[in-house]
Amino acid sequence: MENNGKENLDLDHGGSRMYRERIKRLNGVNLIYENEQGDIFLAKSTLASPTDGKFRFKLPGGSINSGEPPRHAACAKMTETTSIHFNEKDIDLVGIMMQITPGVTETNGFVFLYRAQKYAGNPILSEKVSEYNYFSHEEITELAKEHQKNTI
């Protein structure tokens, strides 16, 4: 399928057979949203990182259930994790990444990254989130550098 010279990856509504087959792997979603100042919401997971055992701030998200469209999963995981509500029409797909954890093949799969335009509600702590905060782009860069330094 061609659309202005680009392959049409309509992953939320079935997509091509090749991509539907790939979605059967363990896949996940993350959702980016910003406050009025442009700071990005991150949540500290109550689960330790499999790479170094630390508890880190990260973009909220989670696994995609079998047969669940990624866009729906992004909204559902955000509500489960933070109690903030997102409408599927108010989020945009901004990237798809291959997640590979060396030595932990059961976590390999695709991560669908969405950006929220609007949301409703206020975040609350849950069994999956011990803390949350908004971080500037510079602060997130520093968090990423620290994580990379500890895992390499």
N, C-alpha and C. Protein backbone atom coordinates (compact mmCIF):
# COMPACT_ATOMS: atom_id res chain seq x y z
N MET A 1 0.84 -1.18 0.00
CA MET A 1 0.00 0.00 0.00
C MET A 1 0.88 1.24 0.00
N GLU A 2 0.59 2.15 -0.85
CA GLU A 2 1.38 3.37 -0.93
C GLU A 2 0.49 4.57 -0.63
N ASN A 3 1.08 5.56 0.06
CA ASN A 3 0.37 6.79 0.38
C ASN A 3 1.40 7.90 0.33
N ASN A 4 1.40 8.67 -0.75
CA ASN A 4 2.38 9.74 -0.93
C ASN A 4 3.80 9.22 -0.81
N GLY A 5 4.05 8.04 -1.36
CA GLY A 5 5.39 7.48 -1.32
C GLY A 5 5.77 6.80 -0.02
N LYS A 6 4.88 6.77 0.95
CA LYS A 6 5.17 6.14 2.24
C LYS A 6 4.24 4.96 2.45
N GLU A 7 4.77 3.91 3.06
CA GLU A 7 3.93 2.75 3.35
C GLU A 7 2.88 3.14 4.38
N ASN A 8 1.67 2.71 4.16
CA ASN A 8 0.58 2.99 5.09
C ASN A 8 0.63 1.98 6.23
N LEU A 9 1.02 2.42 7.43
CA LEU A 9 1.12 1.54 8.59
C LEU A 9 -0.05 1.80 9.52
N ASP A 10 -1.23 1.47 9.08
CA ASP A 10 -2.42 1.70 9.88
C ASP A 10 -2.52 0.61 10.95
N LEU A 11 -1.59 0.65 11.93
CA LEU A 11 -1.49 -0.40 12.92
C LEU A 11 -2.68 -0.43 13.86
N ASP A 12 -3.33 0.68 14.06
CA ASP A 12 -4.46 0.71 14.97
C ASP A 12 -5.71 0.10 14.35
N HIS A 13 -5.75 -0.06 13.07
CA HIS A 13 -6.95 -0.57 12.42
C HIS A 13 -6.63 -1.76 11.51
N GLY A 14 -5.70 -2.60 11.95
CA GLY A 14 -5.42 -3.82 11.21
C GLY A 14 -4.11 -3.81 10.48
N GLY A 15 -3.79 -2.74 9.76
CA GLY A 15 -2.55 -2.64 9.02
C GLY A 15 -2.34 -3.79 8.05
N SER A 16 -1.14 -3.89 7.53
CA SER A 16 -0.83 -4.98 6.61
C SER A 16 -0.63 -6.27 7.37
N ARG A 17 -0.72 -7.39 6.67
CA ARG A 17 -0.57 -8.70 7.30
C ARG A 17 0.78 -8.82 8.00
N MET A 18 1.84 -8.33 7.36
CA MET A 18 3.18 -8.41 7.94
C MET A 18 3.22 -7.73 9.31
N TYR A 19 2.65 -6.56 9.41
CA TYR A 19 2.68 -5.85 10.69
C TYR A 19 1.74 -6.46 11.71
N ARG A 20 0.59 -7.00 11.26
CA ARG A 20 -0.30 -7.69 12.20
C ARG A 20 0.42 -8.89 12.81
N GLU A 21 1.20 -9.62 12.01
CA GLU A 21 1.94 -10.77 12.53
C GLU A 21 2.97 -10.32 13.57
N ARG A 22 3.65 -9.23 13.31
CA ARG A 22 4.66 -8.74 14.24
C ARG A 22 4.05 -8.28 15.56
N ILE A 23 2.82 -7.78 15.53
CA ILE A 23 2.18 -7.29 16.74
C ILE A 23 1.89 -8.42 17.72
N LYS A 24 1.95 -9.67 17.28
CA LYS A 24 1.70 -10.80 18.17
C LYS A 24 2.81 -10.99 19.20
N ARG A 25 3.97 -10.37 19.01
CA ARG A 25 5.04 -10.45 20.00
C ARG A 25 4.63 -9.69 21.26
N LEU A 26 5.49 -9.76 22.29
CA LEU A 26 5.24 -8.96 23.48
C LEU A 26 5.50 -7.51 23.12
N ASN A 27 4.47 -6.71 23.10
CA ASN A 27 4.57 -5.32 22.69
C ASN A 27 4.07 -4.41 23.79
N GLY A 28 4.49 -3.16 23.72
CA GLY A 28 4.09 -2.22 24.74
C GLY A 28 3.75 -0.86 24.16
N VAL A 29 3.26 -0.01 25.04
CA VAL A 29 2.91 1.36 24.68
C VAL A 29 3.44 2.31 25.76
N ASN A 30 3.76 3.50 25.34
CA ASN A 30 4.07 4.60 26.25
C ASN A 30 3.36 5.82 25.73
N LEU A 31 3.03 6.72 26.65
CA LEU A 31 2.30 7.92 26.28
C LEU A 31 3.00 9.14 26.87
N ILE A 32 3.29 10.10 26.01
CA ILE A 32 3.91 11.36 26.43
C ILE A 32 2.81 12.39 26.59
N TYR A 33 2.82 13.09 27.73
CA TYR A 33 1.99 14.29 27.81
C TYR A 33 2.68 15.33 28.66
N GLU A 34 2.41 16.57 28.32
CA GLU A 34 3.09 17.71 28.92
C GLU A 34 2.11 18.60 29.65
N ASN A 35 2.62 19.29 30.67
CA ASN A 35 1.81 20.31 31.34
C ASN A 35 1.90 21.62 30.55
N GLU A 36 1.28 22.66 31.06
CA GLU A 36 1.24 23.94 30.35
C GLU A 36 2.62 24.55 30.15
N GLN A 37 3.59 24.20 31.00
CA GLN A 37 4.95 24.72 30.89
C GLN A 37 5.82 23.90 29.92
N GLY A 38 5.27 22.82 29.38
CA GLY A 38 6.02 21.98 28.46
C GLY A 38 6.82 20.88 29.14
N ASP A 39 6.65 20.72 30.45
CA ASP A 39 7.34 19.65 31.17
C ASP A 39 6.59 18.34 30.94
N ILE A 40 7.33 17.25 30.91
CA ILE A 40 6.78 15.93 30.57
C ILE A 40 6.52 15.12 31.83
N PHE A 41 5.36 14.49 31.86
CA PHE A 41 4.93 13.67 32.99
C PHE A 41 5.69 12.34 32.97
N LEU A 42 6.33 12.01 34.10
CA LEU A 42 6.98 10.72 34.29
C LEU A 42 6.49 10.11 35.60
N ALA A 43 6.42 8.80 35.62
CA ALA A 43 5.98 8.08 36.82
C ALA A 43 7.11 7.16 37.28
N LYS A 44 7.29 7.05 38.61
CA LYS A 44 8.29 6.13 39.14
C LYS A 44 7.60 4.80 39.40
N SER A 45 8.09 3.78 38.71
CA SER A 45 7.50 2.46 38.81
C SER A 45 7.80 1.81 40.15
N THR A 46 6.87 1.01 40.64
CA THR A 46 7.10 0.22 41.85
C THR A 46 7.84 -1.07 41.52
N LEU A 47 8.10 -1.31 40.22
CA LEU A 47 8.86 -2.48 39.78
C LEU A 47 10.28 -2.06 39.45
N ALA A 48 11.24 -2.81 39.93
CA ALA A 48 12.65 -2.50 39.67
C ALA A 48 13.00 -2.81 38.22
N SER A 49 13.94 -2.05 37.68
CA SER A 49 14.42 -2.27 36.32
C SER A 49 15.09 -3.63 36.21
N PRO A 50 14.80 -4.39 35.14
CA PRO A 50 15.44 -5.70 34.99
C PRO A 50 16.94 -5.59 34.69
N THR A 51 17.41 -4.41 34.25
CA THR A 51 18.81 -4.27 33.90
C THR A 51 19.71 -3.95 35.08
N ASP A 52 19.19 -3.20 36.08
CA ASP A 52 20.07 -2.85 37.20
C ASP A 52 19.38 -2.87 38.56
N GLY A 53 18.11 -3.26 38.61
CA GLY A 53 17.41 -3.38 39.89
C GLY A 53 16.98 -2.08 40.53
N LYS A 54 17.10 -0.95 39.82
CA LYS A 54 16.73 0.34 40.38
C LYS A 54 15.30 0.71 40.01
N PHE A 55 14.71 1.57 40.84
CA PHE A 55 13.37 2.09 40.58
C PHE A 55 13.56 3.43 39.89
N ARG A 56 12.97 3.60 38.72
CA ARG A 56 13.22 4.78 37.91
C ARG A 56 11.92 5.48 37.50
N PHE A 57 12.07 6.79 37.22
CA PHE A 57 11.01 7.54 36.57
C PHE A 57 11.01 7.15 35.10
N LYS A 58 9.83 6.96 34.53
CA LYS A 58 9.73 6.63 33.11
C LYS A 58 8.38 7.09 32.58
N LEU A 59 8.25 7.06 31.27
CA LEU A 59 6.96 7.36 30.66
C LEU A 59 5.96 6.29 31.07
N PRO A 60 4.77 6.67 31.47
CA PRO A 60 3.76 5.67 31.81
C PRO A 60 3.38 4.85 30.59
N GLY A 61 3.03 3.62 30.83
CA GLY A 61 2.61 2.73 29.75
C GLY A 61 2.53 1.31 30.25
N GLY A 62 2.59 0.39 29.32
CA GLY A 62 2.53 -1.02 29.71
C GLY A 62 2.41 -1.91 28.50
N SER A 63 2.10 -3.18 28.75
CA SER A 63 1.99 -4.18 27.69
C SER A 63 0.67 -4.07 26.95
N ILE A 64 0.71 -4.50 25.71
CA ILE A 64 -0.49 -4.57 24.89
C ILE A 64 -1.06 -5.98 25.03
N ASN A 65 -2.32 -6.09 25.36
CA ASN A 65 -2.97 -7.40 25.45
C ASN A 65 -3.17 -7.97 24.05
N SER A 66 -3.21 -9.28 23.95
CA SER A 66 -3.40 -9.95 22.67
C SER A 66 -4.66 -9.43 21.99
N GLY A 67 -4.53 -9.00 20.74
CA GLY A 67 -5.66 -8.51 19.97
C GLY A 67 -6.05 -7.07 20.25
N GLU A 68 -5.42 -6.42 21.21
CA GLU A 68 -5.77 -5.05 21.58
C GLU A 68 -5.06 -4.07 20.65
N PRO A 69 -5.76 -3.11 20.07
CA PRO A 69 -5.10 -2.09 19.26
C PRO A 69 -4.16 -1.25 20.12
N PRO A 70 -2.97 -0.92 19.61
CA PRO A 70 -2.01 -0.14 20.41
C PRO A 70 -2.57 1.19 20.92
N ARG A 71 -3.35 1.89 20.10
CA ARG A 71 -3.90 3.18 20.52
C ARG A 71 -4.82 3.00 21.74
N HIS A 72 -5.65 1.97 21.70
CA HIS A 72 -6.53 1.69 22.84
C HIS A 72 -5.70 1.32 24.07
N ALA A 73 -4.66 0.50 23.87
CA ALA A 73 -3.80 0.10 24.99
C ALA A 73 -3.15 1.30 25.64
N ALA A 74 -2.70 2.27 24.85
CA ALA A 74 -2.05 3.46 25.41
C ALA A 74 -2.99 4.19 26.37
N CYS A 75 -4.22 4.40 25.96
CA CYS A 75 -5.19 5.09 26.81
C CYS A 75 -5.54 4.26 28.04
N ALA A 76 -5.76 2.96 27.84
CA ALA A 76 -6.14 2.08 28.95
C ALA A 76 -5.02 1.99 29.99
N LYS A 77 -3.76 1.85 29.54
CA LYS A 77 -2.64 1.72 30.48
C LYS A 77 -2.45 3.01 31.26
N MET A 78 -2.65 4.15 30.63
CA MET A 78 -2.51 5.42 31.34
C MET A 78 -3.57 5.53 32.44
N THR A 79 -4.79 5.15 32.13
CA THR A 79 -5.85 5.22 33.13
C THR A 79 -5.57 4.24 34.26
N GLU A 80 -5.17 3.01 33.92
CA GLU A 80 -4.84 2.01 34.95
C GLU A 80 -3.71 2.49 35.86
N THR A 81 -2.70 3.08 35.26
CA THR A 81 -1.49 3.45 35.99
C THR A 81 -1.64 4.75 36.77
N THR A 82 -2.32 5.74 36.20
CA THR A 82 -2.31 7.08 36.78
C THR A 82 -3.70 7.63 37.14
N SER A 83 -4.76 6.99 36.67
CA SER A 83 -6.14 7.48 36.80
C SER A 83 -6.44 8.69 35.94
N ILE A 84 -5.53 9.05 35.05
CA ILE A 84 -5.78 10.12 34.10
C ILE A 84 -6.44 9.51 32.87
N HIS A 85 -7.45 10.18 32.33
CA HIS A 85 -8.21 9.65 31.20
C HIS A 85 -7.81 10.34 29.90
N PHE A 86 -7.60 9.51 28.89
CA PHE A 86 -7.24 9.99 27.56
C PHE A 86 -8.24 9.42 26.58
N ASN A 87 -8.59 10.21 25.58
CA ASN A 87 -9.47 9.77 24.51
C ASN A 87 -8.59 9.36 23.33
N GLU A 88 -8.90 8.23 22.72
CA GLU A 88 -8.09 7.72 21.62
C GLU A 88 -7.93 8.73 20.49
N LYS A 89 -8.93 9.56 20.25
CA LYS A 89 -8.83 10.54 19.17
C LYS A 89 -7.90 11.70 19.52
N ASP A 90 -7.51 11.81 20.78
CA ASP A 90 -6.65 12.92 21.21
C ASP A 90 -5.19 12.51 21.40
N ILE A 91 -4.82 11.33 20.89
CA ILE A 91 -3.42 10.93 20.96
C ILE A 91 -2.91 10.62 19.56
N ASP A 92 -1.64 10.92 19.33
CA ASP A 92 -1.02 10.71 18.02
C ASP A 92 0.16 9.77 18.15
N LEU A 93 0.29 8.84 17.21
CA LEU A 93 1.44 7.96 17.15
C LEU A 93 2.65 8.77 16.70
N VAL A 94 3.71 8.78 17.50
CA VAL A 94 4.91 9.54 17.13
C VAL A 94 6.11 8.65 16.86
N GLY A 95 6.02 7.37 17.20
CA GLY A 95 7.13 6.48 16.91
C GLY A 95 6.84 5.04 17.28
N ILE A 96 7.59 4.14 16.65
CA ILE A 96 7.56 2.73 16.97
C ILE A 96 9.02 2.30 17.13
N MET A 97 9.33 1.70 18.26
CA MET A 97 10.69 1.29 18.54
C MET A 97 10.74 -0.21 18.78
N MET A 98 11.86 -0.81 18.47
CA MET A 98 12.07 -2.22 18.80
C MET A 98 12.75 -2.25 20.17
N GLN A 99 12.12 -2.94 21.11
CA GLN A 99 12.70 -3.07 22.45
C GLN A 99 13.44 -4.40 22.52
N ILE A 100 14.72 -4.34 22.83
CA ILE A 100 15.52 -5.55 22.98
C ILE A 100 16.26 -5.45 24.31
N THR A 101 16.01 -6.41 25.18
CA THR A 101 16.72 -6.48 26.45
C THR A 101 17.68 -7.65 26.37
N PRO A 102 18.99 -7.39 26.32
CA PRO A 102 19.95 -8.48 26.19
C PRO A 102 19.76 -9.54 27.27
N GLY A 103 19.66 -10.79 26.85
CA GLY A 103 19.52 -11.89 27.78
C GLY A 103 18.12 -12.13 28.30
N VAL A 104 17.17 -11.27 27.92
CA VAL A 104 15.79 -11.42 28.39
C VAL A 104 14.88 -11.39 27.16
N THR A 105 14.94 -12.43 26.34
CA THR A 105 14.25 -12.41 25.05
C THR A 105 12.74 -12.30 25.16
N GLU A 106 12.15 -12.72 26.30
CA GLU A 106 10.69 -12.63 26.41
C GLU A 106 10.20 -11.20 26.48
N THR A 107 11.09 -10.23 26.67
CA THR A 107 10.65 -8.83 26.67
C THR A 107 10.87 -8.15 25.33
N ASN A 108 11.42 -8.85 24.35
CA ASN A 108 11.64 -8.24 23.04
C ASN A 108 10.31 -8.03 22.33
N GLY A 109 10.15 -6.89 21.71
CA GLY A 109 8.94 -6.58 20.97
C GLY A 109 8.94 -5.12 20.56
N PHE A 110 7.81 -4.66 20.08
CA PHE A 110 7.68 -3.28 19.64
C PHE A 110 7.07 -2.42 20.75
N VAL A 111 7.52 -1.18 20.83
CA VAL A 111 6.94 -0.20 21.74
C VAL A 111 6.37 0.92 20.88
N PHE A 112 5.08 1.17 21.04
CA PHE A 112 4.37 2.22 20.31
C PHE A 112 4.35 3.45 21.19
N LEU A 113 4.87 4.55 20.68
CA LEU A 113 4.97 5.78 21.45
C LEU A 113 3.93 6.78 20.94
N TYR A 114 3.07 7.23 21.85
CA TYR A 114 2.01 8.19 21.52
C TYR A 114 2.24 9.49 22.28
N ARG A 115 1.68 10.55 21.74
CA ARG A 115 1.71 11.86 22.40
C ARG A 115 0.27 12.31 22.57
N ALA A 116 -0.05 12.74 23.79
CA ALA A 116 -1.41 13.17 24.11
C ALA A 116 -1.61 14.64 23.80
N GLN A 117 -2.77 14.94 23.26
CA GLN A 117 -3.16 16.33 23.02
C GLN A 117 -3.98 16.88 24.19
N LYS A 118 -4.85 16.04 24.74
CA LYS A 118 -5.73 16.45 25.85
C LYS A 118 -5.87 15.30 26.81
N TYR A 119 -6.19 15.63 28.03
CA TYR A 119 -6.48 14.60 29.02
C TYR A 119 -7.39 15.16 30.08
N ALA A 120 -7.95 14.28 30.89
CA ALA A 120 -8.86 14.70 31.95
C ALA A 120 -8.46 14.01 33.25
N GLY A 121 -8.56 14.74 34.33
CA GLY A 121 -8.27 14.17 35.64
C GLY A 121 -6.89 14.53 36.14
N ASN A 122 -6.63 14.09 37.35
CA ASN A 122 -5.34 14.32 37.98
C ASN A 122 -4.72 12.99 38.35
N PRO A 123 -3.39 12.89 38.25
CA PRO A 123 -2.76 11.61 38.55
C PRO A 123 -2.85 11.26 40.04
N ILE A 124 -2.97 9.97 40.30
CA ILE A 124 -2.92 9.47 41.68
C ILE A 124 -1.94 8.31 41.72
N LEU A 125 -1.42 8.05 42.90
CA LEU A 125 -0.50 6.93 43.06
C LEU A 125 -1.29 5.63 43.02
N SER A 126 -0.61 4.55 42.61
CA SER A 126 -1.27 3.25 42.49
C SER A 126 -0.27 2.17 42.89
N GLU A 127 -0.70 0.93 42.79
CA GLU A 127 0.21 -0.17 43.11
C GLU A 127 1.36 -0.24 42.11
N LYS A 128 1.22 0.42 40.95
CA LYS A 128 2.26 0.41 39.93
C LYS A 128 3.12 1.66 39.94
N VAL A 129 2.66 2.72 40.62
CA VAL A 129 3.36 4.01 40.61
C VAL A 129 3.55 4.49 42.04
N SER A 130 4.83 4.69 42.43
CA SER A 130 5.12 5.15 43.79
C SER A 130 5.27 6.67 43.87
N GLU A 131 5.48 7.29 42.73
CA GLU A 131 5.72 8.74 42.70
C GLU A 131 5.56 9.20 41.25
N TYR A 132 5.18 10.45 41.07
CA TYR A 132 5.14 11.03 39.74
C TYR A 132 5.56 12.48 39.81
N ASN A 133 5.99 13.01 38.67
CA ASN A 133 6.40 14.40 38.61
C ASN A 133 6.49 14.82 37.15
N TYR A 134 6.54 16.12 36.93
CA TYR A 134 6.79 16.67 35.60
C TYR A 134 8.25 17.08 35.53
N PHE A 135 8.90 16.75 34.41
CA PHE A 135 10.32 17.03 34.23
C PHE A 135 10.52 17.84 32.96
N SER A 136 11.48 18.77 33.02
CA SER A 136 11.84 19.54 31.82
C SER A 136 12.60 18.61 30.87
N HIS A 137 12.74 19.04 29.64
CA HIS A 137 13.48 18.24 28.66
C HIS A 137 14.93 18.07 29.11
N GLU A 138 15.50 19.09 29.71
CA GLU A 138 16.88 19.02 30.20
C GLU A 138 17.00 18.01 31.34
N GLU A 139 16.04 18.01 32.25
CA GLU A 139 16.06 17.04 33.36
C GLU A 139 15.93 15.61 32.85
N ILE A 140 15.10 15.42 31.84
CA ILE A 140 14.93 14.08 31.27
C ILE A 140 16.22 13.62 30.61
N THR A 141 16.91 14.53 29.94
CA THR A 141 18.21 14.20 29.34
C THR A 141 19.18 13.74 30.41
N GLU A 142 19.20 14.41 31.54
CA GLU A 142 20.10 14.01 32.64
C GLU A 142 19.70 12.66 33.23
N LEU A 143 18.41 12.42 33.39
CA LEU A 143 17.95 11.11 33.88
C LEU A 143 18.38 10.00 32.92
N ALA A 144 18.26 10.25 31.62
CA ALA A 144 18.64 9.25 30.62
C ALA A 144 20.14 8.99 30.66
N LYS A 145 20.94 10.05 30.81
CA LYS A 145 22.39 9.87 30.90
C LYS A 145 22.76 9.04 32.12
N GLU A 146 22.13 9.30 33.23
CA GLU A 146 22.40 8.55 34.46
C GLU A 146 22.03 7.08 34.28
N HIS A 147 20.88 6.84 33.69
CA HIS A 147 20.44 5.45 33.45
C HIS A 147 21.43 4.74 32.52
N GLN A 148 21.84 5.42 31.45
CA GLN A 148 22.77 4.81 30.49
C GLN A 148 24.10 4.51 31.17
N LYS A 149 24.57 5.41 32.02
CA LYS A 149 25.84 5.21 32.71
C LYS A 149 25.77 3.99 33.63
N ASN A 150 24.63 3.76 34.25
CA ASN A 150 24.47 2.64 35.20
C ASN A 150 24.21 1.30 34.52
N THR A 151 23.85 1.30 33.24
CA THR A 151 23.50 0.04 32.59
C THR A 151 24.52 -0.43 31.57
N ILE A 152 25.50 0.39 31.27
CA ILE A 152 26.52 -0.01 30.28
C ILE A 152 27.75 -0.54 31.00
